[in-house]
Amino acid sequence: METGPDLRNAQWRKSSYSGSTGGDCVEVADNCPAGALPVRDSKNPSGPVVTVGTAAWQAFVDGLR
């Protein structure tokens, strides 16, 4: 089984479109190995993290626009 990137020093960020009231937001981690993008629920920062490929993430974001 593969393990994901080491996220102990990850810099997490929310979308600039996220409101200040919390709500349903995802966060992504910067400064991870090329090709990997960790994603987590902002309401549960100690919960599970899903790591997706950067190309898949870009396709997802493009589909939202």
PDB file of N, CA and C in Angstrom:
ATOM      1  N   MET A   1       0.844  -1.174   0.000  1.00  0.00           N
ATOM      2  CA  MET A   1       0.000   0.000   0.000  1.00  0.00           C
ATOM      3  C   MET A   1       0.888   1.234   0.000  1.00  0.00           C
ATOM      4  N   GLU A   2       0.514   2.215  -0.809  1.00  0.00           N
ATOM      5  CA  GLU A   2       1.263   3.469  -0.866  1.00  0.00           C
ATOM      6  C   GLU A   2       0.865   4.373   0.294  1.00  0.00           C
ATOM      7  N   THR A   3       1.810   5.187   0.718  1.00  0.00           N
ATOM      8  CA  THR A   3       1.491   6.202   1.719  1.00  0.00           C
ATOM      9  C   THR A   3       1.533   7.557   1.042  1.00  0.00           C
ATOM     10  N   GLY A   4       0.760   8.500   1.578  1.00  0.00           N
ATOM     11  CA  GLY A   4       0.709   9.834   1.012  1.00  0.00           C
ATOM     12  C   GLY A   4       1.900  10.665   1.445  1.00  0.00           C
ATOM     13  N   PRO A   5       1.937  11.901   0.997  1.00  0.00           N
ATOM     14  CA  PRO A   5       3.024  12.800   1.368  1.00  0.00           C
ATOM     15  C   PRO A   5       2.990  13.128   2.859  1.00  0.00           C
ATOM     16  N   ASP A   6       4.142  13.467   3.403  1.00  0.00           N
ATOM     17  CA  ASP A   6       4.252  13.873   4.805  1.00  0.00           C
ATOM     18  C   ASP A   6       3.618  15.255   4.950  1.00  0.00           C
ATOM     19  N   LEU A   7       2.551  15.347   5.743  1.00  0.00           N
ATOM     20  CA  LEU A   7       1.792  16.596   5.853  1.00  0.00           C
ATOM     21  C   LEU A   7       2.032  17.342   7.163  1.00  0.00           C
ATOM     22  N   ARG A   8       3.032  16.933   7.934  1.00  0.00           N
ATOM     23  CA  ARG A   8       3.276  17.600   9.227  1.00  0.00           C
ATOM     24  C   ARG A   8       3.567  19.087   9.075  1.00  0.00           C
ATOM     25  N   ASN A   9       4.225  19.480   8.014  1.00  0.00           N
ATOM     26  CA  ASN A   9       4.569  20.892   7.811  1.00  0.00           C
ATOM     27  C   ASN A   9       3.807  21.514   6.646  1.00  0.00           C
ATOM     28  N   ALA A  10       2.685  20.908   6.281  1.00  0.00           N
ATOM     29  CA  ALA A  10       1.916  21.400   5.138  1.00  0.00           C
ATOM     30  C   ALA A  10       1.312  22.772   5.439  1.00  0.00           C
ATOM     31  N   GLN A  11       1.244  23.583   4.410  1.00  0.00           N
ATOM     32  CA  GLN A  11       0.600  24.890   4.472  1.00  0.00           C
ATOM     33  C   GLN A  11      -0.781  24.723   3.842  1.00  0.00           C
ATOM     34  N   TRP A  12      -1.831  24.676   4.659  1.00  0.00           N
ATOM     35  CA  TRP A  12      -3.191  24.473   4.158  1.00  0.00           C
ATOM     36  C   TRP A  12      -3.832  25.812   3.823  1.00  0.00           C
ATOM     37  N   ARG A  13      -4.667  25.824   2.767  1.00  0.00           N
ATOM     38  CA  ARG A  13      -5.373  27.050   2.393  1.00  0.00           C
ATOM     39  C   ARG A  13      -6.761  26.706   1.868  1.00  0.00           C
ATOM     40  N   LYS A  14      -7.688  27.637   2.100  1.00  0.00           N
ATOM     41  CA  LYS A  14      -9.046  27.524   1.587  1.00  0.00           C
ATOM     42  C   LYS A  14      -9.182  28.389   0.345  1.00  0.00           C
ATOM     43  N   SER A  15     -10.201  28.132  -0.413  1.00  0.00           N
ATOM     44  CA  SER A  15     -10.477  28.928  -1.596  1.00  0.00           C
ATOM     45  C   SER A  15     -10.729  30.383  -1.215  1.00  0.00           C
ATOM     46  N   SER A  16     -10.330  31.271  -2.079  1.00  0.00           N
ATOM     47  CA  SER A  16     -10.613  32.694  -1.846  1.00  0.00           C
ATOM     48  C   SER A  16     -12.109  32.968  -1.947  1.00  0.00           C
ATOM     49  N   TYR A  17     -12.867  32.036  -2.497  1.00  0.00           N
ATOM     50  CA  TYR A  17     -14.323  32.182  -2.601  1.00  0.00           C
ATOM     51  C   TYR A  17     -15.036  31.722  -1.335  1.00  0.00           C
ATOM     52  N   SER A  18     -14.300  31.136  -0.382  1.00  0.00           N
ATOM     53  CA  SER A  18     -14.914  30.686   0.864  1.00  0.00           C
ATOM     54  C   SER A  18     -15.294  31.895   1.707  1.00  0.00           C
ATOM     55  N   GLY A  19     -16.457  31.845   2.295  1.00  0.00           N
ATOM     56  CA  GLY A  19     -16.906  32.935   3.151  1.00  0.00           C
ATOM     57  C   GLY A  19     -16.257  32.871   4.525  1.00  0.00           C
ATOM     58  N   SER A  20     -16.471  33.878   5.317  1.00  0.00           N
ATOM     59  CA  SER A  20     -15.877  33.934   6.657  1.00  0.00           C
ATOM     60  C   SER A  20     -16.740  33.217   7.696  1.00  0.00           C
ATOM     61  N   THR A  21     -17.880  32.673   7.286  1.00  0.00           N
ATOM     62  CA  THR A  21     -18.779  32.017   8.244  1.00  0.00           C
ATOM     63  C   THR A  21     -18.508  30.532   8.379  1.00  0.00           C
ATOM     64  N   GLY A  22     -17.475  30.017   7.765  1.00  0.00           N
ATOM     65  CA  GLY A  22     -17.182  28.584   7.841  1.00  0.00           C
ATOM     66  C   GLY A  22     -17.849  27.867   6.702  1.00  0.00           C
ATOM     67  N   GLY A  23     -18.875  27.107   7.008  1.00  0.00           N
ATOM     68  CA  GLY A  23     -19.615  26.424   5.946  1.00  0.00           C
ATOM     69  C   GLY A  23     -18.894  25.205   5.425  1.00  0.00           C
ATOM     70  N   ASP A  24     -19.274  24.814   4.242  1.00  0.00           N
ATOM     71  CA  ASP A  24     -18.721  23.617   3.618  1.00  0.00           C
ATOM     72  C   ASP A  24     -17.549  23.989   2.735  1.00  0.00           C
ATOM     73  N   CYS A  25     -16.357  23.885   3.253  1.00  0.00           N
ATOM     74  CA  CYS A  25     -15.167  24.262   2.508  1.00  0.00           C
ATOM     75  C   CYS A  25     -14.165  23.115   2.508  1.00  0.00           C
ATOM     76  N   VAL A  26     -13.388  23.072   1.467  1.00  0.00           N
ATOM     77  CA  VAL A  26     -12.256  22.156   1.435  1.00  0.00           C
ATOM     78  C   VAL A  26     -10.993  22.993   1.505  1.00  0.00           C
ATOM     79  N   GLU A  27      -9.938  22.364   1.980  1.00  0.00           N
ATOM     80  CA  GLU A  27      -8.630  23.004   2.013  1.00  0.00           C
ATOM     81  C   GLU A  27      -7.672  22.153   1.210  1.00  0.00           C
ATOM     82  N   VAL A  28      -6.703  22.774   0.589  1.00  0.00           N
ATOM     83  CA  VAL A  28      -5.650  22.064  -0.117  1.00  0.00           C
ATOM     84  C   VAL A  28      -4.321  22.438   0.510  1.00  0.00           C
ATOM     85  N   ALA A  29      -3.366  21.532   0.428  1.00  0.00           N
ATOM     86  CA  ALA A  29      -2.047  21.770   1.016  1.00  0.00           C
ATOM     87  C   ALA A  29      -1.059  22.158  -0.070  1.00  0.00           C
ATOM     88  N   ASP A  30      -0.312  23.206   0.201  1.00  0.00           N
ATOM     89  CA  ASP A  30       0.757  23.631  -0.691  1.00  0.00           C
ATOM     90  C   ASP A  30       2.059  22.969  -0.259  1.00  0.00           C
ATOM     91  N   ASN A  31       3.077  23.097  -1.074  1.00  0.00           N
ATOM     92  CA  ASN A  31       4.427  22.622  -0.776  1.00  0.00           C
ATOM     93  C   ASN A  31       4.501  21.111  -0.619  1.00  0.00           C
ATOM     94  N   CYS A  32       3.761  20.381  -1.450  1.00  0.00           N
ATOM     95  CA  CYS A  32       3.819  18.931  -1.440  1.00  0.00           C
ATOM     96  C   CYS A  32       4.532  18.469  -2.705  1.00  0.00           C
ATOM     97  N   PRO A  33       4.908  17.192  -2.747  1.00  0.00           N
ATOM     98  CA  PRO A  33       5.623  16.704  -3.933  1.00  0.00           C
ATOM     99  C   PRO A  33       4.840  16.968  -5.220  1.00  0.00           C
ATOM    100  N   ALA A  34       5.560  17.205  -6.277  1.00  0.00           N
ATOM    101  CA  ALA A  34       4.926  17.458  -7.576  1.00  0.00           C
ATOM    102  C   ALA A  34       4.001  16.303  -7.934  1.00  0.00           C
ATOM    103  N   GLY A  35       2.835  16.633  -8.429  1.00  0.00           N
ATOM    104  CA  GLY A  35       1.888  15.623  -8.850  1.00  0.00           C
ATOM    105  C   GLY A  35       0.906  15.193  -7.783  1.00  0.00           C
ATOM    106  N   ALA A  36       1.089  15.654  -6.541  1.00  0.00           N
ATOM    107  CA  ALA A  36       0.200  15.266  -5.446  1.00  0.00           C
ATOM    108  C   ALA A  36      -0.450  16.499  -4.840  1.00  0.00           C
ATOM    109  N   LEU A  37      -1.769  16.416  -4.601  1.00  0.00           N
ATOM    110  CA  LEU A  37      -2.476  17.529  -3.988  1.00  0.00           C
ATOM    111  C   LEU A  37      -3.372  16.996  -2.864  1.00  0.00           C
ATOM    112  N   PRO A  38      -2.962  17.165  -1.605  1.00  0.00           N
ATOM    113  CA  PRO A  38      -3.791  16.735  -0.487  1.00  0.00           C
ATOM    114  C   PRO A  38      -4.987  17.669  -0.302  1.00  0.00           C
ATOM    115  N   VAL A  39      -6.146  17.091  -0.020  1.00  0.00           N
ATOM    116  CA  VAL A  39      -7.389  17.831   0.163  1.00  0.00           C
ATOM    117  C   VAL A  39      -8.038  17.340   1.452  1.00  0.00           C
ATOM    118  N   ARG A  40      -8.578  18.274   2.254  1.00  0.00           N
ATOM    119  CA  ARG A  40      -9.263  17.889   3.485  1.00  0.00           C
ATOM    120  C   ARG A  40     -10.468  18.794   3.728  1.00  0.00           C
ATOM    121  N   ASP A  41     -11.316  18.377   4.646  1.00  0.00           N
ATOM    122  CA  ASP A  41     -12.496  19.137   5.051  1.00  0.00           C
ATOM    123  C   ASP A  41     -12.048  20.196   6.057  1.00  0.00           C
ATOM    124  N   SER A  42     -12.338  21.452   5.787  1.00  0.00           N
ATOM    125  CA  SER A  42     -11.890  22.526   6.681  1.00  0.00           C
ATOM    126  C   SER A  42     -12.547  22.456   8.056  1.00  0.00           C
ATOM    127  N   LYS A  43     -13.711  21.816   8.146  1.00  0.00           N
ATOM    128  CA  LYS A  43     -14.382  21.695   9.448  1.00  0.00           C
ATOM    129  C   LYS A  43     -13.773  20.591  10.305  1.00  0.00           C
ATOM    130  N   ASN A  44     -12.956  19.728   9.702  1.00  0.00           N
ATOM    131  CA  ASN A  44     -12.358  18.614  10.419  1.00  0.00           C
ATOM    132  C   ASN A  44     -10.883  18.497  10.039  1.00  0.00           C
ATOM    133  N   PRO A  45     -10.052  19.473  10.440  1.00  0.00           N
ATOM    134  CA  PRO A  45      -8.664  19.489  10.000  1.00  0.00           C
ATOM    135  C   PRO A  45      -7.834  18.294  10.474  1.00  0.00           C
ATOM    136  N   SER A  46      -8.263  17.611  11.517  1.00  0.00           N
ATOM    137  CA  SER A  46      -7.506  16.438  11.966  1.00  0.00           C
ATOM    138  C   SER A  46      -8.080  15.155  11.377  1.00  0.00           C
ATOM    139  N   GLY A  47      -9.075  15.289  10.500  1.00  0.00           N
ATOM    140  CA  GLY A  47      -9.708  14.128   9.878  1.00  0.00           C
ATOM    141  C   GLY A  47      -8.929  13.614   8.686  1.00  0.00           C
ATOM    142  N   PRO A  48      -9.576  12.783   7.884  1.00  0.00           N
ATOM    143  CA  PRO A  48      -8.887  12.160   6.750  1.00  0.00           C
ATOM    144  C   PRO A  48      -8.495  13.164   5.675  1.00  0.00           C
ATOM    145  N   VAL A  49      -7.464  12.800   4.940  1.00  0.00           N
ATOM    146  CA  VAL A  49      -6.955  13.599   3.825  1.00  0.00           C
ATOM    147  C   VAL A  49      -6.998  12.726   2.581  1.00  0.00           C
ATOM    148  N   VAL A  50      -7.512  13.272   1.495  1.00  0.00           N
ATOM    149  CA  VAL A  50      -7.525  12.597   0.207  1.00  0.00           C
ATOM    150  C   VAL A  50      -6.452  13.253  -0.650  1.00  0.00           C
ATOM    151  N   THR A  51      -5.583  12.453  -1.237  1.00  0.00           N
ATOM    152  CA  THR A  51      -4.553  12.992  -2.113  1.00  0.00           C
ATOM    153  C   THR A  51      -4.920  12.669  -3.551  1.00  0.00           C
ATOM    154  N   VAL A  52      -5.041  13.699  -4.360  1.00  0.00           N
ATOM    155  CA  VAL A  52      -5.395  13.531  -5.773  1.00  0.00           C
ATOM    156  C   VAL A  52      -4.250  14.047  -6.641  1.00  0.00           C
ATOM    157  N   GLY A  53      -4.218  13.584  -7.854  1.00  0.00           N
ATOM    158  CA  GLY A  53      -3.221  14.062  -8.798  1.00  0.00           C
ATOM    159  C   GLY A  53      -3.517  15.502  -9.187  1.00  0.00           C
ATOM    160  N   THR A  54      -2.489  16.262  -9.484  1.00  0.00           N
ATOM    161  CA  THR A  54      -2.694  17.669  -9.824  1.00  0.00           C
ATOM    162  C   THR A  54      -3.496  17.824 -11.110  1.00  0.00           C
ATOM    163  N   ALA A  55      -3.332  16.914 -12.068  1.00  0.00           N
ATOM    164  CA  ALA A  55      -4.117  17.006 -13.308  1.00  0.00           C
ATOM    165  C   ALA A  55      -5.595  16.762 -13.023  1.00  0.00           C
ATOM    166  N   ALA A  56      -5.897  15.801 -12.151  1.00  0.00           N
ATOM    167  CA  ALA A  56      -7.291  15.526 -11.786  1.00  0.00           C
ATOM    168  C   ALA A  56      -7.888  16.716 -11.039  1.00  0.00           C
ATOM    169  N   TRP A  57      -7.126  17.334 -10.153  1.00  0.00           N
ATOM    170  CA  TRP A  57      -7.617  18.501  -9.422  1.00  0.00           C
ATOM    171  C   TRP A  57      -7.898  19.649 -10.381  1.00  0.00           C
ATOM    172  N   GLN A  58      -6.998  19.868 -11.326  1.00  0.00           N
ATOM    173  CA  GLN A  58      -7.197  20.953 -12.288  1.00  0.00           C
ATOM    174  C   GLN A  58      -8.451  20.712 -13.127  1.00  0.00           C
ATOM    175  N   ALA A  59      -8.682  19.474 -13.534  1.00  0.00           N
ATOM    176  CA  ALA A  59      -9.891  19.153 -14.292  1.00  0.00           C
ATOM    177  C   ALA A  59     -11.134  19.404 -13.453  1.00  0.00           C
ATOM    178  N   PHE A  60     -11.076  19.074 -12.163  1.00  0.00           N
ATOM    179  CA  PHE A  60     -12.195  19.318 -11.255  1.00  0.00           C
ATOM    180  C   PHE A  60     -12.475  20.808 -11.144  1.00  0.00           C
ATOM    181  N   VAL A  61     -11.444  21.606 -10.904  1.00  0.00           N
ATOM    182  CA  VAL A  61     -11.603  23.061 -10.776  1.00  0.00           C
ATOM    183  C   VAL A  61     -12.123  23.661 -12.071  1.00  0.00           C
ATOM    184  N   ASP A  62     -11.572  23.234 -13.203  1.00  0.00           N
ATOM    185  CA  ASP A  62     -12.039  23.736 -14.489  1.00  0.00           C
ATOM    186  C   ASP A  62     -13.507  23.420 -14.709  1.00  0.00           C
ATOM    187  N   GLY A  63     -13.951  22.247 -14.238  1.00  0.00           N
ATOM    188  CA  GLY A  63     -15.352  21.865 -14.373  1.00  0.00           C
ATOM    189  C   GLY A  63     -16.280  22.713 -13.531  1.00  0.00           C
ATOM    190  N   LEU A  64     -15.771  23.314 -12.460  1.00  0.00           N
ATOM    191  CA  LEU A  64     -16.578  24.183 -11.618  1.00  0.00           C
ATOM    192  C   LEU A  64     -16.789  25.557 -12.215  1.00  0.00           C
ATOM    193  N   ARG A  65     -15.917  25.951 -13.092  1.00  0.00           N
ATOM    194  CA  ARG A  65     -15.985  27.302 -13.675  1.00  0.00           C
ATOM    195  C   ARG A  65     -17.016  27.432 -14.711  1.00  0.00           C
TER     196      ARG A  65
END
